[in-house]
Amino acid sequence: MQPNVIITGATKGIGRAVAERFAPQSAQLALVARDPAGLEAAKSKLKAAAPACTIFVYPCDLSEKSQAKRLVEQLSAQSNNWQLLVNNAGLYLPGELLSEPDEALEQMMRVNLFAPYYLSKGIAPLLSGKSHIFNLASVASRRVYPGKSSYSVTKFAMQALNDALRMELKERGVRVTAVLPGPTWSATWEGAELPEGRLLQAAEVAEAVWNTYALPANAVVEELVIQPQLGDL
């Protein structure tokens, strides 16, 4: 069966790579991001590579509860038959817990925790067949890194949300997986003088997500930790 897939943060990084990996095998893709132009560009490229896949775009600022709730309504109106929700959208603001502005933690919590909370609650009743929720957490869900204290707080919380969703949805046959990538190449790393291969590529994470989904329905990878071969940075 070709799944119907929802991906947040779908215009760049891991979200874009997941969309590229799933598009050829999917019936429908719903791409969610803040940037309408970026969404249209992603749609055009994906449609060229996977012409049989129907692609919808939903501009949405997931830091706003009202927009997240409206997105659920739009997705419900589009279909009541979804198989995958990939909660990928995230926000990272560097800083020290005791010296950063209060707004830093608050902003990251809205994107990294509350958005997947609202979407998972709203989409879960629409999941059918071989269904799966992927929550893009981080190795910072298990370890607090210097300069990333509040980010880690939000990702620890997302890990707990992931585990709660798995507990509540497993009897319905919905699989729930936390994806914990190590350092993965993005624009944040531009200019860094690192040997080739010291960062993961987004496509490598996307391939691991696909392989996890492709397992038989009676098996679930509860936590997928992916690090560069030479270890963390």
Protein backbone atom coordinates (compact mmCIF):
# COMPACT_ATOMS: atom_id res chain seq x y z
CA MET A 1 0.00 0.00 0.00
CA GLN A 2 1.25 3.46 -0.87
CA PRO A 3 0.86 5.65 2.23
CA ASN A 4 -0.51 9.13 2.65
CA VAL A 5 2.17 11.11 4.51
CA ILE A 6 2.28 14.39 6.47
CA ILE A 7 5.70 16.01 6.98
CA THR A 8 6.33 19.20 8.93
CA GLY A 9 9.40 21.32 8.34
CA ALA A 10 9.38 19.84 4.85
CA THR A 11 11.29 22.47 2.84
CA LYS A 12 14.83 21.82 4.07
CA GLY A 13 17.11 19.55 6.04
CA ILE A 14 15.82 16.24 7.31
CA GLY A 15 12.20 17.09 6.53
CA ARG A 16 12.99 17.75 2.88
CA ALA A 17 15.10 14.58 2.68
CA VAL A 18 12.26 12.51 4.18
CA ALA A 19 9.86 13.97 1.60
CA GLU A 20 12.27 13.08 -1.21
CA ARG A 21 12.68 9.53 0.11
CA PHE A 22 8.97 8.87 0.61
CA ALA A 23 7.53 10.61 -2.46
CA PRO A 24 8.14 7.81 -5.00
CA GLN A 25 6.48 5.28 -2.68
CA SER A 26 3.59 7.49 -1.48
CA ALA A 27 0.10 8.15 -2.80
CA GLN A 28 -0.13 11.59 -1.19
CA LEU A 29 2.30 13.94 0.53
CA ALA A 30 1.23 16.87 2.68
CA LEU A 31 4.14 19.27 3.06
CA VAL A 32 4.05 21.75 5.94
CA ALA A 33 6.40 24.70 6.50
CA ARG A 34 6.35 28.43 7.16
CA ASP A 35 7.63 29.55 3.75
CA PRO A 36 5.04 29.40 0.93
CA ALA A 37 7.66 29.92 -1.78
CA GLY A 38 9.84 27.18 -0.33
CA LEU A 39 6.88 24.84 -0.25
CA GLU A 40 6.05 25.48 -3.89
CA ALA A 41 9.67 24.91 -4.88
CA ALA A 42 9.77 21.64 -2.95
CA LYS A 43 6.48 20.56 -4.51
CA SER A 44 7.76 21.21 -8.04
CA LYS A 45 10.95 19.25 -7.49
CA LEU A 46 9.18 16.33 -5.82
CA LYS A 47 6.49 16.19 -8.50
CA ALA A 48 9.16 15.94 -11.19
CA ALA A 49 10.78 13.03 -9.37
CA ALA A 50 7.52 11.31 -8.36
CA PRO A 51 4.79 12.23 -10.86
CA ALA A 52 2.35 9.65 -9.50
CA CYS A 53 2.36 11.20 -6.02
CA THR A 54 -0.25 13.85 -5.24
CA ILE A 55 1.38 16.67 -3.29
CA PHE A 56 -0.36 19.27 -1.14
CA VAL A 57 1.32 22.23 0.53
CA TYR A 58 0.26 23.90 3.76
CA PRO A 59 2.00 27.13 4.79
CA CYS A 60 1.84 27.19 8.58
CA ASP A 61 3.70 28.73 11.50
CA LEU A 62 3.58 25.89 14.00
CA SER A 63 4.72 28.16 16.82
CA GLU A 64 1.18 29.56 16.78
CA LYS A 65 -1.40 27.28 18.40
CA SER A 66 -4.20 28.70 16.26
CA GLN A 67 -2.31 27.88 13.07
CA ALA A 68 -1.44 24.38 14.27
CA LYS A 69 -5.10 23.75 15.09
CA ARG A 70 -6.19 25.11 11.71
CA LEU A 71 -3.69 22.83 10.01
CA VAL A 72 -5.32 19.82 11.67
CA GLU A 73 -8.68 20.98 10.35
CA GLN A 74 -7.27 21.40 6.83
CA LEU A 75 -5.65 17.97 6.87
CA SER A 76 -8.86 16.41 8.21
CA ALA A 77 -10.83 18.02 5.41
CA GLN A 78 -8.28 16.79 2.85
CA SER A 79 -8.49 13.16 3.97
CA ASN A 80 -9.54 10.92 6.83
CA ASN A 81 -7.07 8.27 5.69
CA TRP A 82 -3.48 9.14 6.64
CA GLN A 83 -0.76 6.60 7.42
CA LEU A 84 2.27 8.66 8.47
CA LEU A 85 2.85 11.80 10.50
CA VAL A 86 6.46 13.02 10.59
CA ASN A 87 6.83 15.68 13.29
CA ASN A 88 10.06 17.16 12.00
CA ALA A 89 9.68 20.94 12.40
CA GLY A 90 11.97 22.22 15.13
CA LEU A 91 13.66 25.32 16.50
CA TYR A 92 17.15 25.65 17.96
CA LEU A 93 18.24 28.82 19.76
CA PRO A 94 21.71 28.61 21.33
CA GLY A 95 22.26 29.93 24.81
CA GLU A 96 22.80 29.21 28.49
CA LEU A 97 19.74 28.41 30.58
CA LEU A 98 20.46 30.96 33.32
CA SER A 99 21.42 33.87 31.08
CA GLU A 100 19.21 33.60 28.00
CA PRO A 101 15.97 35.58 27.58
CA ASP A 102 12.90 33.81 28.92
CA GLU A 103 11.46 33.88 25.42
CA ALA A 104 14.11 31.46 24.13
CA LEU A 105 12.77 28.47 26.04
CA GLU A 106 9.19 29.55 25.44
CA GLN A 107 9.68 29.81 21.67
CA MET A 108 11.41 26.45 21.43
CA MET A 109 8.73 24.76 23.53
CA ARG A 110 6.01 26.03 21.19
CA VAL A 111 7.69 24.51 18.13
CA ASN A 112 9.52 21.49 19.58
CA LEU A 113 6.82 20.24 21.96
CA PHE A 114 3.44 21.92 21.65
CA ALA A 115 3.24 21.68 17.83
CA PRO A 116 3.80 17.89 17.70
CA TYR A 117 1.42 17.57 20.67
CA TYR A 118 -1.40 19.37 18.84
CA LEU A 119 -0.74 17.62 15.53
CA SER A 120 -0.45 14.14 17.02
CA LYS A 121 -3.69 14.56 18.98
CA GLY A 122 -5.49 15.85 15.91
CA ILE A 123 -4.14 13.40 13.34
CA ALA A 124 -4.15 10.22 15.46
CA PRO A 125 -7.90 9.61 14.90
CA LEU A 126 -7.29 9.81 11.13
CA LEU A 127 -4.51 7.20 11.02
CA SER A 128 -5.45 3.91 9.43
CA GLY A 129 -3.83 0.77 8.07
CA LYS A 130 -0.09 0.42 8.55
CA SER A 131 0.32 3.73 10.36
CA HIS A 132 3.25 5.41 12.06
CA ILE A 133 4.19 8.61 13.87
CA PHE A 134 7.82 9.72 13.70
CA ASN A 135 9.01 12.37 16.14
CA LEU A 136 12.29 14.02 15.21
CA ALA A 137 13.98 14.36 18.56
CA SER A 138 17.77 14.59 18.95
CA VAL A 139 20.72 13.10 20.78
CA ALA A 140 20.08 16.20 22.91
CA SER A 141 16.99 14.31 24.13
CA ARG A 142 19.34 12.14 26.17
CA ARG A 143 22.24 14.47 26.98
CA VAL A 144 22.49 18.18 27.76
CA TYR A 145 25.14 19.88 25.62
CA PRO A 146 26.95 23.11 26.57
CA GLY A 147 25.24 26.09 25.02
CA LYS A 148 22.12 24.03 24.24
CA SER A 149 20.53 23.71 27.67
CA SER A 150 17.03 24.94 26.87
CA TYR A 151 17.03 23.14 23.55
CA SER A 152 17.78 19.92 25.43
CA VAL A 153 14.92 20.65 27.85
CA THR A 154 12.50 20.81 24.92
CA LYS A 155 13.90 17.68 23.30
CA PHE A 156 13.78 15.72 26.58
CA ALA A 157 10.13 16.74 26.76
CA MET A 158 9.54 15.66 23.17
CA GLN A 159 11.03 12.26 23.98
CA ALA A 160 8.52 11.90 26.83
CA LEU A 161 5.70 12.94 24.48
CA ASN A 162 6.87 10.30 22.02
CA ASP A 163 6.84 7.58 24.67
CA ALA A 164 3.39 8.64 25.91
CA LEU A 165 2.01 8.51 22.36
CA ARG A 166 3.44 5.02 21.85
CA MET A 167 1.88 3.81 25.09
CA GLU A 168 -1.55 5.19 24.20
CA LEU A 169 -1.58 4.23 20.50
CA LYS A 170 0.01 0.77 20.45
CA GLU A 171 -3.27 -1.09 21.01
CA ARG A 172 -4.62 0.64 17.91
CA GLY A 173 -1.71 -0.64 15.86
CA VAL A 174 -0.12 2.78 15.43
CA ARG A 175 3.66 2.61 15.70
CA VAL A 176 5.53 5.54 17.25
CA THR A 177 9.25 6.13 16.83
CA ALA A 178 11.58 8.78 18.22
CA VAL A 179 14.37 9.64 15.79
CA LEU A 180 17.50 10.91 17.55
CA PRO A 181 20.04 12.14 15.00
CA GLY A 182 23.51 13.24 15.99
CA PRO A 183 25.13 16.24 14.26
CA THR A 184 23.59 16.48 10.79
CA TRP A 185 24.69 18.83 8.06
CA SER A 186 22.63 22.01 7.72
CA ALA A 187 23.27 25.69 7.05
CA THR A 188 24.20 25.99 10.74
CA TRP A 189 27.43 24.13 9.97
CA GLU A 190 28.48 26.27 7.01
CA GLY A 191 32.06 27.47 7.44
CA ALA A 192 32.90 24.86 10.05
CA GLU A 193 36.25 23.22 9.34
CA LEU A 194 35.38 19.57 9.82
CA PRO A 195 36.71 16.52 7.99
CA GLU A 196 34.38 15.02 5.41
CA GLY A 197 32.12 12.47 7.01
CA ARG A 198 32.09 14.02 10.49
CA LEU A 199 28.49 15.08 9.97
CA LEU A 200 25.51 12.98 8.99
CA GLN A 201 23.72 13.85 5.78
CA ALA A 202 19.98 14.47 5.93
CA ALA A 203 19.44 11.77 3.29
CA GLU A 204 21.05 9.20 5.59
CA VAL A 205 18.57 10.01 8.34
CA ALA A 206 15.70 9.87 5.83
CA GLU A 207 16.82 6.43 4.67
CA ALA A 208 16.78 5.18 8.26
CA VAL A 209 13.26 6.58 8.71
CA TRP A 210 12.10 4.79 5.55
CA ASN A 211 13.64 1.48 6.64
CA THR A 212 11.98 1.80 10.04
CA TYR A 213 8.59 2.35 8.42
CA ALA A 214 9.17 -0.54 6.01
CA LEU A 215 9.42 -3.09 8.84
CA PRO A 216 6.49 -5.49 9.22
CA ALA A 217 3.56 -3.92 11.06
CA ASN A 218 4.10 -6.11 14.13
CA ALA A 219 7.60 -4.66 14.72
CA VAL A 220 8.47 -1.17 15.92
CA VAL A 221 11.77 0.63 16.38
CA GLU A 222 10.95 2.60 19.51
CA GLU A 223 14.04 4.79 19.43
CA LEU A 224 16.29 5.33 16.42
CA VAL A 225 19.67 6.86 17.37
CA ILE A 226 21.88 7.79 14.40
CA GLN A 227 25.41 9.10 14.87
CA PRO A 228 28.33 9.76 12.54
CA GLN A 229 30.53 6.66 12.35
CA LEU A 230 33.32 8.45 14.21
CA GLY A 231 30.97 9.47 17.00
CA ASP A 232 29.47 12.63 18.41
CA LEU A 233 31.07 16.05 18.20
